Each structure stands twice: as C-alpha cells, then as structure tokens.
Amino acid sequence: MTVWDRPEPPIRPVPLDRQRIVAAAVALADEGGLEAVSVRKVAARLNAGPMRLYGYISTKEELFDLMVDEVYAEILPEEQPGDWREALSVLAHRTRRAALRHLWLADLLGRRPALGPNGLAVTEATLSSLDGLTGIDTVMRAVETVSAYYTGAIRREITNLRAEHATGLSKHDWQRAHGPHVTRMLATGRFPALAKAVHDGTDVDAETSFATGLEWVLDAVAAKLPPPSA
C-alpha cells in the first residue's frame, strides 16, 4: 500500500493531515535543504509529537515522495499546449522554475517514477503530447531524452547556486579569483581548444544556456519523428 492509498488516521487533539505535514516539510527543505527535514523536525514545526506523524507516513522516503508530488502541482500546466514541442518545452521550463524555488528538488529529480497524483498527471501530460505521432517506444525514448537533458541542466545550475551560497563568490567572482591560474595553464599551449573557448566564447546566463540546450534536444527529437502531414 502506497502512502497515497493509506487512509489517514482520525483527527486527534492537535489537528493534523498529510497536507499540513507536507507543507511543513517543504518549508523546512526550502529553508535548509533535505538535511533539514526529519520526522522530528516536522513534528516540532507542527507542535505535535513525532509518533503522531507515523500515523500518516511510515518513512522519511515517503515524506520525500509527498514533497515531490506537492511541487509537481506547480509544474503541471493549467492547459495542455497543442503542439508536442511546446508542451515538452513548457514542462521543462516549469520544472526548472520549480527547482529554483525549491532547490532541494534537484536532489530528487531523476529517481524512480513519481507515483503521486500530481506526478502521474505530469507524466500523462508529457506522454500525451506525443501520443499518435509515432510508436510508443519512440515516444518513450523521446521523453527520456528530454528529461535527461533538463534534469542534468537543472542539477548543474543548482550545484553552481549552492557553491555561490556556500562560498559567497558569484560565478564571475570565482572566475576572477582563479583567472591567474587559468591564464598560466593556457599560456603553456597545451589546451588550445580550451583557450579558444575562454578567449572567444560568449558567456551566457543560466536561463539562456538552458533554453538553447533544450531547443537543440527538441531538434534532435523532431528528427526522429515522422514529418508532419501536409
């Protein structure tokens, strides 16, 4: 029996329900990351005894599942775009924005499929955007490819944000601090391709990089789909 199938216990002196428990857990994670979330800390946030929470959840992993499903409600678009490319792009960008609001989400993306109602709805929206265009195996590979791209890109961006928070150095501050070392290494002539990237490459922000990479991945998916009928 999953956490979503298990009935909630009757109300007791301190009113509790899974919604309140999940909201408290999400708030704790937003403040301090997943390491700030425990049954004891959630119970303290709700002024309830820890054992009370075990009537609603059995493990911390179940709590994480509920938290992820709560955020998936923010990812699901209100209306399904008609075009598959727009639909996948919207879902990718909404996932990125949700992860920037809840940095801990990056640690839980890419795990086993989300089985909560919101997670299933996002999966349905993703698959249905390609329904009828090609065989289901090609649809699955296309969805996996796009998901792998934005999951990796989001994790990289969040990792950089965490490094900024931990060190107090922005990306450009970090580059300036390490500039002399990089300059010395490039001057050896051993890294000509890297030197070209450093000296001639265009620096773009994270959102532009994400959007550009996503468009390239969608181009690759489009090349594997049958051409649209005239």
C-alpha atoms as a PDB file:
ATOM      1  CA  MET A   1       0.000   0.000   0.000  1.00  0.00           C
ATOM      2  CA  THR A   2       1.490   3.357  -1.025  1.00  0.00           C
ATOM      3  CA  VAL A   3       1.330   6.490   1.062  1.00  0.00           C
ATOM      4  CA  TRP A   4      -1.406   7.794  -1.224  1.00  0.00           C
ATOM      5  CA  ASP A   5      -3.546   4.659  -0.759  1.00  0.00           C
ATOM      6  CA  ARG A   6      -3.226   4.515   3.009  1.00  0.00           C
ATOM      7  CA  PRO A   7      -6.155   6.153   4.846  1.00  0.00           C
ATOM      8  CA  GLU A   8      -5.361   8.947   7.273  1.00  0.00           C
ATOM      9  CA  PRO A   9      -5.938   8.315  10.992  1.00  0.00           C
ATOM     10  CA  PRO A  10      -8.816  10.024  12.776  1.00  0.00           C
ATOM     11  CA  ILE A  11      -8.321  13.619  13.955  1.00  0.00           C
ATOM     12  CA  ARG A  12      -6.864  13.963  17.439  1.00  0.00           C
ATOM     13  CA  PRO A  13      -6.314  16.910  19.817  1.00  0.00           C
ATOM     14  CA  VAL A  14      -3.670  18.566  17.588  1.00  0.00           C
ATOM     15  CA  PRO A  15      -5.320  18.620  14.151  1.00  0.00           C
ATOM     16  CA  LEU A  16      -3.077  17.004  11.563  1.00  0.00           C
ATOM     17  CA  ASP A  17      -3.396  15.854   7.997  1.00  0.00           C
ATOM     18  CA  ARG A  18      -0.937  14.963   5.275  1.00  0.00           C
ATOM     19  CA  GLN A  19      -1.341  18.360   3.640  1.00  0.00           C
ATOM     20  CA  ARG A  20      -0.170  20.168   6.764  1.00  0.00           C
ATOM     21  CA  ILE A  21       2.675  17.698   7.252  1.00  0.00           C
ATOM     22  CA  VAL A  22       3.870  18.082   3.671  1.00  0.00           C
ATOM     23  CA  ALA A  23       3.605  21.889   3.793  1.00  0.00           C
ATOM     24  CA  ALA A  24       5.772  21.924   6.927  1.00  0.00           C
ATOM     25  CA  ALA A  25       8.319  19.565   5.361  1.00  0.00           C
ATOM     26  CA  VAL A  26       8.525  21.652   2.175  1.00  0.00           C
ATOM     27  CA  ALA A  27       9.038  24.814   4.248  1.00  0.00           C
ATOM     28  CA  LEU A  28      11.860  23.170   6.193  1.00  0.00           C
ATOM     29  CA  ALA A  29      13.509  21.937   2.996  1.00  0.00           C
ATOM     30  CA  ASP A  30      13.196  25.370   1.379  1.00  0.00           C
ATOM     31  CA  GLU A  31      14.954  26.866   4.397  1.00  0.00           C
ATOM     32  CA  GLY A  32      17.711  24.314   4.899  1.00  0.00           C
ATOM     33  CA  GLY A  33      17.677  21.607   2.242  1.00  0.00           C
ATOM     34  CA  LEU A  34      16.671  17.968   2.585  1.00  0.00           C
ATOM     35  CA  GLU A  35      19.051  17.533   5.524  1.00  0.00           C
ATOM     36  CA  ALA A  36      16.788  19.903   7.463  1.00  0.00           C
ATOM     37  CA  VAL A  37      13.840  17.530   7.059  1.00  0.00           C
ATOM     38  CA  SER A  38      13.134  14.812   9.605  1.00  0.00           C
ATOM     39  CA  VAL A  39      10.005  13.453  11.214  1.00  0.00           C
ATOM     40  CA  ARG A  40      11.082  15.031  14.492  1.00  0.00           C
ATOM     41  CA  LYS A  41      11.648  18.466  12.959  1.00  0.00           C
ATOM     42  CA  VAL A  42       8.385  18.377  11.024  1.00  0.00           C
ATOM     43  CA  ALA A  43       6.544  17.370  14.181  1.00  0.00           C
ATOM     44  CA  ALA A  44       8.170  20.235  16.075  1.00  0.00           C
ATOM     45  CA  ARG A  45       7.119  22.685  13.346  1.00  0.00           C
ATOM     46  CA  LEU A  46       3.546  21.460  13.806  1.00  0.00           C
ATOM     47  CA  ASN A  47       3.679  21.360  17.622  1.00  0.00           C
ATOM     48  CA  ALA A  48       2.905  17.652  17.572  1.00  0.00           C
ATOM     49  CA  GLY A  49       4.634  14.579  18.909  1.00  0.00           C
ATOM     50  CA  PRO A  50       6.834  12.709  16.384  1.00  0.00           C
ATOM     51  CA  MET A  51       4.890   9.479  16.859  1.00  0.00           C
ATOM     52  CA  ARG A  52       1.750  11.254  15.665  1.00  0.00           C
ATOM     53  CA  LEU A  53       3.280  11.669  12.220  1.00  0.00           C
ATOM     54  CA  TYR A  54       3.815   7.945  11.807  1.00  0.00           C
ATOM     55  CA  GLY A  55       0.063   7.588  11.501  1.00  0.00           C
ATOM     56  CA  TYR A  56       0.372   9.496   8.213  1.00  0.00           C
ATOM     57  CA  ILE A  57       3.795   8.464   6.900  1.00  0.00           C
ATOM     58  CA  SER A  58       5.921   5.388   7.545  1.00  0.00           C
ATOM     59  CA  THR A  59       9.371   6.582   6.455  1.00  0.00           C
ATOM     60  CA  LYS A  60      11.249   9.726   5.505  1.00  0.00           C
ATOM     61  CA  GLU A  61      11.308   8.437   1.928  1.00  0.00           C
ATOM     62  CA  GLU A  62       7.507   8.544   1.918  1.00  0.00           C
ATOM     63  CA  LEU A  63       7.703  12.114   3.162  1.00  0.00           C
ATOM     64  CA  PHE A  64      10.080  12.975   0.307  1.00  0.00           C
ATOM     65  CA  ASP A  65       7.654  11.354  -2.152  1.00  0.00           C
ATOM     66  CA  LEU A  66       4.846  13.530  -0.836  1.00  0.00           C
ATOM     67  CA  MET A  67       7.023  16.640  -1.008  1.00  0.00           C
ATOM     68  CA  VAL A  68       7.975  15.962  -4.626  1.00  0.00           C
ATOM     69  CA  ASP A  69       4.350  15.387  -5.543  1.00  0.00           C
ATOM     70  CA  GLU A  70       3.431  18.677  -3.899  1.00  0.00           C
ATOM     71  CA  VAL A  71       5.925  20.505  -6.129  1.00  0.00           C
ATOM     72  CA  TYR A  72       4.738  18.634  -9.222  1.00  0.00           C
ATOM     73  CA  ALA A  73       1.467  20.514  -8.768  1.00  0.00           C
ATOM     74  CA  GLU A  74       3.471  23.673  -9.553  1.00  0.00           C
ATOM     75  CA  ILE A  75       4.958  22.057 -12.675  1.00  0.00           C
ATOM     76  CA  LEU A  76       1.719  20.842 -14.250  1.00  0.00           C
ATOM     77  CA  PRO A  77       0.488  23.492 -16.720  1.00  0.00           C
ATOM     78  CA  GLU A  78      -3.091  24.661 -16.421  1.00  0.00           C
ATOM     79  CA  GLU A  79      -3.713  23.909 -20.095  1.00  0.00           C
ATOM     80  CA  GLN A  80      -2.026  21.351 -22.307  1.00  0.00           C
ATOM     81  CA  PRO A  81      -0.330  23.020 -25.305  1.00  0.00           C
ATOM     82  CA  GLY A  82      -1.465  21.575 -28.601  1.00  0.00           C
ATOM     83  CA  ASP A  83       1.986  21.127 -30.105  1.00  0.00           C
ATOM     84  CA  TRP A  84       4.295  18.420 -28.718  1.00  0.00           C
ATOM     85  CA  ARG A  85       7.364  20.619 -28.896  1.00  0.00           C
ATOM     86  CA  GLU A  86       5.734  23.464 -26.999  1.00  0.00           C
ATOM     87  CA  ALA A  87       4.328  21.005 -24.456  1.00  0.00           C
ATOM     88  CA  LEU A  88       7.731  19.476 -23.664  1.00  0.00           C
ATOM     89  CA  SER A  89       9.363  22.904 -23.595  1.00  0.00           C
ATOM     90  CA  VAL A  90       6.757  24.255 -21.174  1.00  0.00           C
ATOM     91  CA  LEU A  91       7.171  21.264 -18.860  1.00  0.00           C
ATOM     92  CA  ALA A  92      10.971  21.593 -18.912  1.00  0.00           C
ATOM     93  CA  HIS A  93      10.901  25.322 -18.134  1.00  0.00           C
ATOM     94  CA  ARG A  94       8.267  24.879 -15.416  1.00  0.00           C
ATOM     95  CA  THR A  95      10.394  22.129 -13.846  1.00  0.00           C
ATOM     96  CA  ARG A  96      13.413  24.449 -13.844  1.00  0.00           C
ATOM     97  CA  ARG A  97      11.459  27.303 -12.252  1.00  0.00           C
ATOM     98  CA  ALA A  98      10.064  24.955  -9.590  1.00  0.00           C
ATOM     99  CA  ALA A  99      13.586  23.724  -8.816  1.00  0.00           C
ATOM    100  CA  LEU A 100      14.818  27.298  -8.435  1.00  0.00           C
ATOM    101  CA  ARG A 101      12.022  27.927  -5.929  1.00  0.00           C
ATOM    102  CA  HIS A 102      12.774  24.644  -4.129  1.00  0.00           C
ATOM    103  CA  LEU A 103      16.499  23.950  -4.529  1.00  0.00           C
ATOM    104  CA  TRP A 104      16.173  20.568  -2.807  1.00  0.00           C
ATOM    105  CA  LEU A 105      14.079  19.280  -5.726  1.00  0.00           C
ATOM    106  CA  ALA A 106      17.263  18.890  -7.790  1.00  0.00           C
ATOM    107  CA  ASP A 107      18.372  16.140  -5.395  1.00  0.00           C
ATOM    108  CA  LEU A 108      15.198  14.147  -6.026  1.00  0.00           C
ATOM    109  CA  LEU A 109      14.769  14.575  -9.782  1.00  0.00           C
ATOM    110  CA  GLY A 110      15.544  11.560 -11.929  1.00  0.00           C
ATOM    111  CA  ARG A 111      14.658   8.961  -9.319  1.00  0.00           C
ATOM    112  CA  ARG A 112      12.087   6.227  -9.902  1.00  0.00           C
ATOM    113  CA  PRO A 113       8.835   7.478 -11.468  1.00  0.00           C
ATOM    114  CA  ALA A 114       6.724   9.752  -9.262  1.00  0.00           C
ATOM    115  CA  LEU A 115       3.533   7.861  -8.404  1.00  0.00           C
ATOM    116  CA  GLY A 116       1.577  10.592  -6.639  1.00  0.00           C
ATOM    117  CA  PRO A 117      -1.438  12.147  -8.357  1.00  0.00           C
ATOM    118  CA  ASN A 118       0.441  15.245  -9.486  1.00  0.00           C
ATOM    119  CA  GLY A 119       3.471  13.260 -10.631  1.00  0.00           C
ATOM    120  CA  LEU A 120       1.257  10.926 -12.647  1.00  0.00           C
ATOM    121  CA  ALA A 121      -0.532  13.927 -14.147  1.00  0.00           C
ATOM    122  CA  VAL A 122       2.807  15.412 -15.270  1.00  0.00           C
ATOM    123  CA  THR A 123       3.803  12.072 -16.798  1.00  0.00           C
ATOM    124  CA  GLU A 124       0.453  11.854 -18.568  1.00  0.00           C
ATOM    125  CA  ALA A 125       0.841  15.391 -19.928  1.00  0.00           C
ATOM    126  CA  THR A 126       4.347  14.544 -21.139  1.00  0.00           C
ATOM    127  CA  LEU A 127       3.400  11.317 -22.898  1.00  0.00           C
ATOM    128  CA  SER A 128       0.122  12.582 -24.309  1.00  0.00           C
ATOM    129  CA  SER A 129       1.913  15.466 -26.046  1.00  0.00           C
ATOM    130  CA  LEU A 130       3.474  12.891 -28.404  1.00  0.00           C
ATOM    131  CA  ASP A 131       0.561  10.455 -28.498  1.00  0.00           C
ATOM    132  CA  GLY A 132      -0.341   9.352 -32.006  1.00  0.00           C
ATOM    133  CA  LEU A 133       2.733  10.880 -33.654  1.00  0.00           C
ATOM    134  CA  THR A 134       4.840   7.729 -33.614  1.00  0.00           C
ATOM    135  CA  GLY A 135       5.198   4.362 -31.890  1.00  0.00           C
ATOM    136  CA  ILE A 136       5.182   4.195 -28.099  1.00  0.00           C
ATOM    137  CA  ASP A 137       8.813   3.055 -27.919  1.00  0.00           C
ATOM    138  CA  THR A 138       9.946   6.146 -29.833  1.00  0.00           C
ATOM    139  CA  VAL A 139       7.729   8.285 -27.603  1.00  0.00           C
ATOM    140  CA  MET A 140       9.353   6.800 -24.505  1.00  0.00           C
ATOM    141  CA  ARG A 141      12.881   7.383 -25.828  1.00  0.00           C
ATOM    142  CA  ALA A 142      11.992  10.964 -26.763  1.00  0.00           C
ATOM    143  CA  VAL A 143      10.585  11.679 -23.318  1.00  0.00           C
ATOM    144  CA  GLU A 144      13.599  10.071 -21.628  1.00  0.00           C
ATOM    145  CA  THR A 145      15.995  12.139 -23.755  1.00  0.00           C
ATOM    146  CA  VAL A 146      14.323  15.456 -22.976  1.00  0.00           C
ATOM    147  CA  SER A 147      14.002  14.553 -19.296  1.00  0.00           C
ATOM    148  CA  ALA A 148      17.662  13.546 -19.086  1.00  0.00           C
ATOM    149  CA  TYR A 149      18.671  16.906 -20.556  1.00  0.00           C
ATOM    150  CA  TYR A 150      16.678  19.163 -18.268  1.00  0.00           C
ATOM    151  CA  THR A 151      17.365  17.056 -15.169  1.00  0.00           C
ATOM    152  CA  GLY A 152      21.113  17.308 -15.766  1.00  0.00           C
ATOM    153  CA  ALA A 153      20.968  21.003 -16.661  1.00  0.00           C
ATOM    154  CA  ILE A 154      18.893  21.820 -13.571  1.00  0.00           C
ATOM    155  CA  ARG A 155      21.223  19.883 -11.279  1.00  0.00           C
ATOM    156  CA  ARG A 156      24.265  21.681 -12.713  1.00  0.00           C
ATOM    157  CA  GLU A 157      22.618  25.080 -12.243  1.00  0.00           C
ATOM    158  CA  ILE A 158      21.552  24.280  -8.672  1.00  0.00           C
ATOM    159  CA  THR A 159      25.050  22.974  -7.872  1.00  0.00           C
ATOM    160  CA  ASN A 160      26.511  26.287  -9.008  1.00  0.00           C
ATOM    161  CA  LEU A 161      23.956  28.237  -6.962  1.00  0.00           C
ATOM    162  CA  ARG A 162      24.826  26.197  -3.882  1.00  0.00           C
ATOM    163  CA  ALA A 163      28.517  26.875  -4.459  1.00  0.00           C
ATOM    164  CA  GLU A 164      27.765  30.602  -4.625  1.00  0.00           C
ATOM    165  CA  HIS A 165      25.813  30.421  -1.364  1.00  0.00           C
ATOM    166  CA  ALA A 166      28.496  28.348   0.365  1.00  0.00           C
ATOM    167  CA  THR A 167      31.495  30.441  -0.726  1.00  0.00           C
ATOM    168  CA  GLY A 168      29.928  33.876  -1.115  1.00  0.00           C
ATOM    169  CA  LEU A 169      31.521  34.065  -4.579  1.00  0.00           C
ATOM    170  CA  SER A 170      29.412  34.637  -7.677  1.00  0.00           C
ATOM    171  CA  LYS A 171      30.327  32.872 -10.915  1.00  0.00           C
ATOM    172  CA  HIS A 172      32.264  35.923 -12.103  1.00  0.00           C
ATOM    173  CA  ASP A 173      33.944  36.398  -8.709  1.00  0.00           C
ATOM    174  CA  TRP A 174      35.081  32.774  -8.832  1.00  0.00           C
ATOM    175  CA  GLN A 175      36.374  33.192 -12.376  1.00  0.00           C
ATOM    176  CA  ARG A 176      38.343  36.299 -11.408  1.00  0.00           C
ATOM    177  CA  ALA A 177      39.816  34.535  -8.373  1.00  0.00           C
ATOM    178  CA  HIS A 178      41.020  31.624 -10.497  1.00  0.00           C
ATOM    179  CA  GLY A 179      41.903  33.714 -13.545  1.00  0.00           C
ATOM    180  CA  PRO A 180      45.678  33.867 -12.936  1.00  0.00           C
ATOM    181  CA  HIS A 181      45.941  30.069 -12.664  1.00  0.00           C
ATOM    182  CA  VAL A 182      43.879  29.516 -15.812  1.00  0.00           C
ATOM    183  CA  THR A 183      45.901  32.123 -17.696  1.00  0.00           C
ATOM    184  CA  ARG A 184      49.170  30.391 -16.750  1.00  0.00           C
ATOM    185  CA  MET A 185      47.843  26.995 -17.837  1.00  0.00           C
ATOM    186  CA  LEU A 186      46.542  28.300 -21.169  1.00  0.00           C
ATOM    187  CA  ALA A 187      49.865  30.024 -21.832  1.00  0.00           C
ATOM    188  CA  THR A 188      51.559  26.604 -21.957  1.00  0.00           C
ATOM    189  CA  GLY A 189      49.847  25.929 -25.287  1.00  0.00           C
ATOM    190  CA  ARG A 190      48.699  22.510 -24.109  1.00  0.00           C
ATOM    191  CA  PHE A 191      44.985  23.426 -24.177  1.00  0.00           C
ATOM    192  CA  PRO A 192      44.268  25.214 -27.485  1.00  0.00           C
ATOM    193  CA  ALA A 193      40.571  24.293 -27.672  1.00  0.00           C
ATOM    194  CA  LEU A 194      40.010  25.450 -24.096  1.00  0.00           C
ATOM    195  CA  ALA A 195      41.923  28.647 -24.785  1.00  0.00           C
ATOM    196  CA  LYS A 196      39.654  29.391 -27.748  1.00  0.00           C
ATOM    197  CA  ALA A 197      36.581  28.805 -25.593  1.00  0.00           C
ATOM    198  CA  VAL A 198      37.883  31.098 -22.840  1.00  0.00           C
ATOM    199  CA  HIS A 199      39.011  33.906 -25.119  1.00  0.00           C
ATOM    200  CA  ASP A 200      36.436  33.778 -27.931  1.00  0.00           C
ATOM    201  CA  GLY A 201      33.379  32.108 -26.408  1.00  0.00           C
ATOM    202  CA  THR A 202      30.271  34.099 -25.492  1.00  0.00           C
ATOM    203  CA  ASP A 203      29.304  33.999 -21.832  1.00  0.00           C
ATOM    204  CA  VAL A 204      25.542  33.492 -21.411  1.00  0.00           C
ATOM    205  CA  ASP A 205      23.337  33.336 -18.343  1.00  0.00           C
ATOM    206  CA  ALA A 206      21.892  30.101 -16.993  1.00  0.00           C
ATOM    207  CA  GLU A 207      18.420  30.669 -18.427  1.00  0.00           C
ATOM    208  CA  THR A 208      19.732  31.295 -21.938  1.00  0.00           C
ATOM    209  CA  SER A 209      22.002  28.261 -21.733  1.00  0.00           C
ATOM    210  CA  PHE A 210      19.089  26.098 -20.562  1.00  0.00           C
ATOM    211  CA  ALA A 211      16.758  27.334 -23.297  1.00  0.00           C
ATOM    212  CA  THR A 212      19.350  26.890 -26.044  1.00  0.00           C
ATOM    213  CA  GLY A 213      20.251  23.364 -24.994  1.00  0.00           C
ATOM    214  CA  LEU A 214      16.589  22.436 -24.730  1.00  0.00           C
ATOM    215  CA  GLU A 215      15.923  23.686 -28.270  1.00  0.00           C
ATOM    216  CA  TRP A 216      18.809  21.591 -29.582  1.00  0.00           C
ATOM    217  CA  VAL A 217      17.492  18.490 -27.825  1.00  0.00           C
ATOM    218  CA  LEU A 218      13.997  19.106 -29.182  1.00  0.00           C
ATOM    219  CA  ASP A 219      15.509  19.484 -32.663  1.00  0.00           C
ATOM    220  CA  ALA A 220      17.106  16.061 -32.240  1.00  0.00           C
ATOM    221  CA  VAL A 221      13.787  14.555 -31.108  1.00  0.00           C
ATOM    222  CA  ALA A 222      11.993  16.161 -34.075  1.00  0.00           C
ATOM    223  CA  ALA A 223      14.473  14.484 -36.433  1.00  0.00           C
ATOM    224  CA  LYS A 224      13.347  11.088 -35.129  1.00  0.00           C
ATOM    225  CA  LEU A 225       9.621  11.778 -35.570  1.00  0.00           C
ATOM    226  CA  PRO A 226       7.685  11.292 -38.805  1.00  0.00           C
ATOM    227  CA  PRO A 227       7.341  14.544 -40.756  1.00  0.00           C
ATOM    228  CA  PRO A 228       4.031  16.336 -40.161  1.00  0.00           C
ATOM    229  CA  SER A 229       1.376  15.542 -42.730  1.00  0.00           C
ATOM    230  CA  ALA A 230       0.645  18.280 -45.248  1.00  0.00           C
END
